[in-house]
Amino acid sequence: MKNKKGLMIAGWLAGVALASIGVISGIRNLRGYGGVCIIAGSILQSGCLNRLQRISYEKEFPELAREQEIERRDERNTLIHSRAKAKSADFLHWTLLAAAALVFFGKGPLWPAGLLIGIFAIKCMIEWYYVYKYQKEM
């Protein structure tokens, strides 16, 4: 646990350093070097602080943390999470296709539509692979 805590503190400090570099270099737009550093640093800081709080909670209340871990790994909760992921993947599936259609039929370059269709095709191939894999397992 101590190594994880040290790693999270180092990650938080790296996030602070990235955000500071972004502020010092100046923010002309978020797509520039400064904006990317600020966004990356903020995400890193937030993730590391969240994990540090969780480590502290687990240390302070070990019984409650153990109960929550058992509930999280419960078959019913696992099934609920799997169904939620499947529904969100279906929504993403059709949203991706709709975005590709809008880009294709709109005025502008065709490469964004090709990129979206390529991502859609990769998603479908990965899905088919796992369906085949899980059917063989069961």
Protein backbone atom coordinates (compact mmCIF):
# COMPACT_ATOMS: atom_id res chain seq x y z
CA MET A 1 0.00 0.00 0.00
CA LYS A 2 2.87 2.35 0.78
CA ASN A 3 4.31 1.99 -2.75
CA LYS A 4 0.94 2.81 -4.27
CA LYS A 5 0.67 5.91 -2.12
CA GLY A 6 4.12 7.11 -3.15
CA LEU A 7 3.33 6.46 -6.81
CA MET A 8 0.08 8.44 -6.56
CA ILE A 9 1.85 11.36 -4.86
CA ALA A 10 4.48 11.31 -7.64
CA GLY A 11 1.68 11.27 -10.23
CA TRP A 12 -0.03 14.21 -8.56
CA LEU A 13 3.24 16.15 -8.51
CA ALA A 14 3.78 15.34 -12.19
CA GLY A 15 0.27 16.67 -12.89
CA VAL A 16 1.05 19.88 -11.02
CA ALA A 17 4.29 20.23 -12.98
CA LEU A 18 2.51 19.67 -16.31
CA ALA A 19 -0.19 22.20 -15.48
CA SER A 20 2.44 24.71 -14.35
CA ILE A 21 4.40 24.25 -17.58
CA GLY A 22 1.18 24.85 -19.50
CA VAL A 23 0.42 28.06 -17.61
CA ILE A 24 3.99 29.36 -17.91
CA SER A 25 4.16 28.64 -21.65
CA GLY A 26 0.98 30.61 -22.17
CA ILE A 27 -2.47 29.66 -23.31
CA ARG A 28 -3.25 30.93 -26.78
CA ASN A 29 -5.66 28.10 -27.49
CA LEU A 30 -6.37 24.72 -25.93
CA ARG A 31 -4.93 22.86 -28.91
CA GLY A 32 -1.51 24.38 -28.42
CA TYR A 33 1.30 23.08 -26.23
CA GLY A 34 0.18 25.04 -23.17
CA GLY A 35 -3.42 23.91 -23.39
CA VAL A 36 -2.48 20.26 -23.81
CA CYS A 37 -0.15 20.45 -20.79
CA ILE A 38 -2.85 22.05 -18.65
CA ILE A 39 -5.49 19.49 -19.63
CA ALA A 40 -3.13 16.50 -19.16
CA GLY A 41 -1.91 17.84 -15.81
CA SER A 42 -5.45 18.42 -14.56
CA ILE A 43 -6.56 14.92 -15.53
CA LEU A 44 -3.49 13.38 -13.90
CA GLN A 45 -3.97 15.40 -10.71
CA SER A 46 -7.63 14.48 -10.41
CA GLY A 47 -7.05 10.76 -10.95
CA CYS A 48 -4.18 10.59 -8.48
CA LEU A 49 -6.04 12.55 -5.81
CA ASN A 50 -9.07 10.28 -6.19
CA ARG A 51 -6.89 7.19 -5.73
CA LEU A 52 -5.10 8.76 -2.73
CA GLN A 53 -8.47 9.40 -1.08
CA ARG A 54 -9.49 5.79 -1.73
CA ILE A 55 -6.22 4.47 -0.22
CA SER A 56 -6.79 6.65 2.86
CA TYR A 57 -10.39 5.42 3.16
CA GLU A 58 -9.27 1.77 2.88
CA LYS A 59 -6.69 2.33 5.60
CA GLU A 60 -9.13 4.11 7.93
CA PHE A 61 -12.10 1.74 7.42
CA PRO A 62 -10.74 -1.67 6.35
CA GLU A 63 -13.97 -3.58 7.17
CA LEU A 64 -16.15 -1.26 5.10
CA ALA A 65 -13.66 -1.32 2.23
CA ARG A 66 -13.67 -5.13 2.27
CA GLU A 67 -17.49 -5.22 2.23
CA GLN A 68 -17.63 -2.77 -0.67
CA GLU A 69 -15.12 -4.85 -2.63
CA ILE A 70 -17.20 -8.01 -2.08
CA GLU A 71 -20.36 -6.19 -3.21
CA ARG A 72 -18.55 -4.82 -6.26
CA ARG A 73 -17.45 -8.29 -7.32
CA ASP A 74 -20.86 -9.85 -6.64
CA GLU A 75 -22.35 -11.75 -9.60
CA ARG A 76 -25.48 -9.58 -9.69
CA ASN A 77 -23.48 -6.34 -9.79
CA THR A 78 -21.15 -7.79 -12.41
CA LEU A 79 -24.16 -8.69 -14.57
CA ILE A 80 -25.66 -5.21 -14.12
CA HIS A 81 -22.37 -3.57 -15.14
CA SER A 82 -22.02 -5.87 -18.15
CA ARG A 83 -25.53 -5.02 -19.34
CA ALA A 84 -24.91 -1.30 -18.86
CA LYS A 85 -21.67 -1.53 -20.87
CA ALA A 86 -23.49 -3.41 -23.63
CA LYS A 87 -26.22 -0.75 -23.82
CA SER A 88 -23.70 2.07 -23.92
CA ALA A 89 -21.72 0.25 -26.62
CA ASP A 90 -24.90 -0.11 -28.70
CA PHE A 91 -25.59 3.60 -28.30
CA LEU A 92 -22.01 4.45 -29.27
CA HIS A 93 -22.30 2.08 -32.24
CA TRP A 94 -25.23 3.97 -33.78
CA THR A 95 -23.97 7.41 -32.77
CA LEU A 96 -20.68 6.71 -34.53
CA LEU A 97 -22.51 5.69 -37.69
CA ALA A 98 -24.77 8.75 -37.54
CA ALA A 99 -21.75 11.06 -37.10
CA ALA A 100 -20.01 9.42 -40.06
CA ALA A 101 -23.14 9.93 -42.19
CA LEU A 102 -23.41 13.59 -41.16
CA VAL A 103 -19.76 14.23 -41.97
CA PHE A 104 -19.99 12.33 -45.27
CA PHE A 105 -23.07 14.16 -46.51
CA GLY A 106 -21.96 17.54 -45.17
CA LYS A 107 -19.60 19.85 -46.95
CA GLY A 108 -15.98 19.29 -46.13
CA PRO A 109 -13.20 16.74 -46.47
CA LEU A 110 -13.98 13.02 -46.57
CA TRP A 111 -11.18 11.83 -44.29
CA PRO A 112 -13.14 12.44 -41.04
CA ALA A 113 -15.96 10.24 -42.36
CA GLY A 114 -13.44 7.57 -43.34
CA LEU A 115 -11.86 7.76 -39.91
CA LEU A 116 -15.23 7.36 -38.18
CA ILE A 117 -16.18 4.44 -40.41
CA GLY A 118 -12.77 2.86 -39.72
CA ILE A 119 -13.32 3.18 -35.96
CA PHE A 120 -16.79 1.67 -36.43
CA ALA A 121 -15.33 -1.27 -38.37
CA ILE A 122 -12.65 -1.88 -35.73
CA LYS A 123 -15.30 -1.83 -33.00
CA CYS A 124 -17.38 -4.38 -34.92
CA MET A 125 -14.39 -6.67 -35.48
CA ILE A 126 -13.45 -6.57 -31.80
CA GLU A 127 -17.05 -7.32 -30.84
CA TRP A 128 -17.23 -10.28 -33.26
CA TYR A 129 -13.93 -11.62 -31.92
CA TYR A 130 -15.16 -11.61 -28.34
CA VAL A 131 -18.51 -13.16 -29.28
CA TYR A 132 -16.64 -15.99 -31.02
CA LYS A 133 -14.21 -16.37 -28.11
CA TYR A 134 -16.92 -16.48 -25.45
CA GLN A 135 -19.07 -18.90 -27.45
CA LYS A 136 -16.12 -21.31 -27.58
CA GLU A 137 -15.56 -20.95 -23.84
CA MET A 138 -19.16 -21.65 -22.92
